[in-house]
């Protein structure tokens, strides 16, 4: 493999690590805020923001860990990230508007919220 192609792969993997870290940090802050709110309201309060924040935080943590492992394998072992098979998906099949998931690009916070909607959001419309 030529040097330019290796640099391109390294740049793509480094960008993925930076993006997933930013999303992870934002989700961690939201989780910490939800945890503080839960402590103030009490353990039996029906507010679901802690559950939602936990799901989003776990999801972003998994994405960050995966991106970091792929980057480390490439730098340390010169191993390319595994090719994702078209039929094999590790996450949701679509995002927001029903678009196909692009595995080379991490999810944004709004896309994560579309995948994991908060049922206790203030403007949520309930179906009966």
C-alpha atoms as a PDB file:
ATOM      1  CA  UNK A   1       0.000   0.000   0.000  1.00  0.00           C
ATOM      2  CA  UNK A   2       1.368   3.411  -0.882  1.00  0.00           C
ATOM      3  CA  UNK A   3       2.152   6.088   1.705  1.00  0.00           C
ATOM      4  CA  UNK A   4      -0.618   8.438   0.565  1.00  0.00           C
ATOM      5  CA  UNK A   5      -3.274   5.765   1.040  1.00  0.00           C
ATOM      6  CA  UNK A   6      -1.930   4.968   4.520  1.00  0.00           C
ATOM      7  CA  UNK A   7      -2.008   8.657   5.474  1.00  0.00           C
ATOM      8  CA  UNK A   8      -5.566   8.935   4.185  1.00  0.00           C
ATOM      9  CA  UNK A   9      -6.647   5.965   6.309  1.00  0.00           C
ATOM     10  CA  UNK A  10      -4.849   7.352   9.355  1.00  0.00           C
ATOM     11  CA  UNK A  11      -6.518  10.749   8.906  1.00  0.00           C
ATOM     12  CA  UNK A  12      -9.952   9.138   8.542  1.00  0.00           C
ATOM     13  CA  UNK A  13      -9.445   7.020  11.654  1.00  0.00           C
ATOM     14  CA  UNK A  14      -8.085   9.978  13.652  1.00  0.00           C
ATOM     15  CA  UNK A  15     -11.102  12.089  12.627  1.00  0.00           C
ATOM     16  CA  UNK A  16     -13.434   9.285  13.694  1.00  0.00           C
ATOM     17  CA  UNK A  17     -11.731   9.147  17.108  1.00  0.00           C
ATOM     18  CA  UNK A  18     -12.013  12.929  17.550  1.00  0.00           C
ATOM     19  CA  UNK A  19     -15.671  12.993  16.512  1.00  0.00           C
ATOM     20  CA  UNK A  20     -16.692  10.093  18.712  1.00  0.00           C
ATOM     21  CA  UNK A  21     -14.747  11.567  21.645  1.00  0.00           C
ATOM     22  CA  UNK A  22     -16.594  14.873  21.275  1.00  0.00           C
ATOM     23  CA  UNK A  23     -19.942  13.057  21.206  1.00  0.00           C
ATOM     24  CA  UNK A  24     -18.894  10.920  24.174  1.00  0.00           C
ATOM     25  CA  UNK A  25     -17.866  13.982  26.191  1.00  0.00           C
ATOM     26  CA  UNK A  26     -21.184  15.709  25.442  1.00  0.00           C
ATOM     27  CA  UNK A  27     -23.154  12.604  26.399  1.00  0.00           C
ATOM     28  CA  UNK A  28     -21.136  12.280  29.620  1.00  0.00           C
ATOM     29  CA  UNK A  29     -21.988  15.867  30.577  1.00  0.00           C
ATOM     30  CA  UNK A  30     -25.677  15.213  29.869  1.00  0.00           C
ATOM     31  CA  UNK A  31     -25.492  12.016  31.934  1.00  0.00           C
ATOM     32  CA  UNK A  32     -23.890  13.873  34.860  1.00  0.00           C
ATOM     33  CA  UNK A  33     -26.584  16.578  34.709  1.00  0.00           C
ATOM     34  CA  UNK A  34     -29.352  13.961  34.601  1.00  0.00           C
ATOM     35  CA  UNK A  35     -27.762  12.125  37.538  1.00  0.00           C
ATOM     36  CA  UNK A  36     -27.680  15.353  39.583  1.00  0.00           C
ATOM     37  CA  UNK A  37     -31.323  16.033  38.708  1.00  0.00           C
ATOM     38  CA  UNK A  38     -32.272  12.485  39.736  1.00  0.00           C
ATOM     39  CA  UNK A  39     -30.502  12.968  43.079  1.00  0.00           C
ATOM     40  CA  UNK A  40     -32.428  16.213  43.663  1.00  0.00           C
ATOM     41  CA  UNK A  41     -35.802  14.733  42.692  1.00  0.00           C
ATOM     42  CA  UNK A  42     -35.355  11.449  44.519  1.00  0.00           C
ATOM     43  CA  UNK A  43     -34.970   7.861  43.325  1.00  0.00           C
ATOM     44  CA  UNK A  44     -38.715   7.250  42.853  1.00  0.00           C
ATOM     45  CA  UNK A  45     -39.423  10.268  40.645  1.00  0.00           C
ATOM     46  CA  UNK A  46     -40.805   9.203  37.238  1.00  0.00           C
ATOM     47  CA  UNK A  47     -38.538  11.499  35.198  1.00  0.00           C
ATOM     48  CA  UNK A  48     -36.917   9.372  32.488  1.00  0.00           C
ATOM     49  CA  UNK A  49     -34.064  11.705  31.636  1.00  0.00           C
ATOM     50  CA  UNK A  50     -31.522   9.592  33.540  1.00  0.00           C
ATOM     51  CA  UNK A  51     -32.517   6.449  31.652  1.00  0.00           C
ATOM     52  CA  UNK A  52     -32.315   8.305  28.339  1.00  0.00           C
ATOM     53  CA  UNK A  53     -28.965   9.909  29.219  1.00  0.00           C
ATOM     54  CA  UNK A  54     -27.607   6.511  30.266  1.00  0.00           C
ATOM     55  CA  UNK A  55     -28.608   4.924  26.951  1.00  0.00           C
ATOM     56  CA  UNK A  56     -27.063   7.735  24.914  1.00  0.00           C
ATOM     57  CA  UNK A  57     -23.906   7.763  27.054  1.00  0.00           C
ATOM     58  CA  UNK A  58     -23.487   3.988  26.693  1.00  0.00           C
ATOM     59  CA  UNK A  59     -24.021   4.196  22.939  1.00  0.00           C
ATOM     60  CA  UNK A  60     -21.456   6.990  22.474  1.00  0.00           C
ATOM     61  CA  UNK A  61     -19.001   5.235  24.778  1.00  0.00           C
ATOM     62  CA  UNK A  62     -19.234   2.102  22.632  1.00  0.00           C
ATOM     63  CA  UNK A  63     -18.670   4.132  19.445  1.00  0.00           C
ATOM     64  CA  UNK A  64     -15.685   5.957  20.955  1.00  0.00           C
ATOM     65  CA  UNK A  65     -14.097   2.733  22.197  1.00  0.00           C
ATOM     66  CA  UNK A  66     -14.549   1.089  18.784  1.00  0.00           C
ATOM     67  CA  UNK A  67     -13.036   4.068  16.913  1.00  0.00           C
ATOM     68  CA  UNK A  68     -10.104   4.193  19.338  1.00  0.00           C
ATOM     69  CA  UNK A  69      -9.441   0.465  18.994  1.00  0.00           C
ATOM     70  CA  UNK A  70      -9.481   0.673  15.183  1.00  0.00           C
ATOM     71  CA  UNK A  71      -7.085   3.637  15.255  1.00  0.00           C
ATOM     72  CA  UNK A  72      -4.729   1.894  17.692  1.00  0.00           C
ATOM     73  CA  UNK A  73      -4.717  -1.326  15.670  1.00  0.00           C
ATOM     74  CA  UNK A  74      -3.837   0.641  12.567  1.00  0.00           C
ATOM     75  CA  UNK A  75      -1.025   2.662  14.211  1.00  0.00           C
ATOM     76  CA  UNK A  76       0.493  -0.077  16.371  1.00  0.00           C
ATOM     77  CA  UNK A  77      -0.088  -3.224  14.299  1.00  0.00           C
ATOM     78  CA  UNK A  78      -0.537  -1.785  10.792  1.00  0.00           C
ATOM     79  CA  UNK A  79      -3.911  -3.563  10.609  1.00  0.00           C
ATOM     80  CA  UNK A  80      -6.650  -2.012   8.542  1.00  0.00           C
ATOM     81  CA  UNK A  81     -10.094  -1.671  10.118  1.00  0.00           C
ATOM     82  CA  UNK A  82     -12.309  -4.629   9.250  1.00  0.00           C
ATOM     83  CA  UNK A  83     -14.448  -4.153   6.189  1.00  0.00           C
ATOM     84  CA  UNK A  84     -18.082  -3.932   7.140  1.00  0.00           C
ATOM     85  CA  UNK A  85     -20.270  -6.343   5.246  1.00  0.00           C
ATOM     86  CA  UNK A  86     -23.366  -4.766   3.689  1.00  0.00           C
ATOM     87  CA  UNK A  87     -25.740  -7.168   5.440  1.00  0.00           C
ATOM     88  CA  UNK A  88     -24.025  -7.024   8.827  1.00  0.00           C
ATOM     89  CA  UNK A  89     -25.001  -4.043  10.948  1.00  0.00           C
ATOM     90  CA  UNK A  90     -24.031  -3.575  14.581  1.00  0.00           C
ATOM     91  CA  UNK A  91     -26.496  -0.782  15.169  1.00  0.00           C
ATOM     92  CA  UNK A  92     -29.759   0.652  13.940  1.00  0.00           C
ATOM     93  CA  UNK A  93     -30.462   0.257  10.238  1.00  0.00           C
ATOM     94  CA  UNK A  94     -31.494   3.870   9.638  1.00  0.00           C
ATOM     95  CA  UNK A  95     -31.096   7.290  11.144  1.00  0.00           C
ATOM     96  CA  UNK A  96     -33.552  10.115  11.543  1.00  0.00           C
ATOM     97  CA  UNK A  97     -35.131  10.395   8.107  1.00  0.00           C
ATOM     98  CA  UNK A  98     -34.732   6.739   7.185  1.00  0.00           C
ATOM     99  CA  UNK A  99     -31.313   7.157   5.583  1.00  0.00           C
ATOM    100  CA  UNK A 100     -28.984   4.196   5.582  1.00  0.00           C
ATOM    101  CA  UNK A 101     -26.310   4.133   8.280  1.00  0.00           C
ATOM    102  CA  UNK A 102     -22.871   5.194   7.114  1.00  0.00           C
ATOM    103  CA  UNK A 103     -20.507   3.138   9.314  1.00  0.00           C
ATOM    104  CA  UNK A 104     -17.514   5.321   8.464  1.00  0.00           C
ATOM    105  CA  UNK A 105     -19.153   8.367  10.089  1.00  0.00           C
ATOM    106  CA  UNK A 106     -20.111   8.472  13.774  1.00  0.00           C
ATOM    107  CA  UNK A 107     -23.602   9.492  14.830  1.00  0.00           C
ATOM    108  CA  UNK A 108     -24.310  13.081  15.832  1.00  0.00           C
ATOM    109  CA  UNK A 109     -26.126  13.921  19.055  1.00  0.00           C
ATOM    110  CA  UNK A 110     -29.365  14.705  17.179  1.00  0.00           C
ATOM    111  CA  UNK A 111     -29.116  11.403  15.301  1.00  0.00           C
ATOM    112  CA  UNK A 112     -28.562   9.544  18.576  1.00  0.00           C
ATOM    113  CA  UNK A 113     -31.638  11.249  20.011  1.00  0.00           C
ATOM    114  CA  UNK A 114     -33.603  10.126  16.956  1.00  0.00           C
ATOM    115  CA  UNK A 115     -32.494   6.538  17.595  1.00  0.00           C
ATOM    116  CA  UNK A 116     -33.045   6.757  21.367  1.00  0.00           C
ATOM    117  CA  UNK A 117     -35.918   9.229  21.835  1.00  0.00           C
ATOM    118  CA  UNK A 118     -36.526  10.496  25.339  1.00  0.00           C
ATOM    119  CA  UNK A 119     -40.088   9.501  26.218  1.00  0.00           C
ATOM    120  CA  UNK A 120     -40.204  12.153  28.939  1.00  0.00           C
ATOM    121  CA  UNK A 121     -39.138  15.109  26.818  1.00  0.00           C
ATOM    122  CA  UNK A 122     -41.307  18.203  27.444  1.00  0.00           C
ATOM    123  CA  UNK A 123     -42.718  18.410  23.900  1.00  0.00           C
ATOM    124  CA  UNK A 124     -43.327  14.695  23.471  1.00  0.00           C
ATOM    125  CA  UNK A 125     -46.761  13.829  22.029  1.00  0.00           C
ATOM    126  CA  UNK A 126     -48.263  10.780  23.683  1.00  0.00           C
ATOM    127  CA  UNK A 127     -50.302   8.271  21.740  1.00  0.00           C
ATOM    128  CA  UNK A 128     -53.313   6.726  23.425  1.00  0.00           C
END
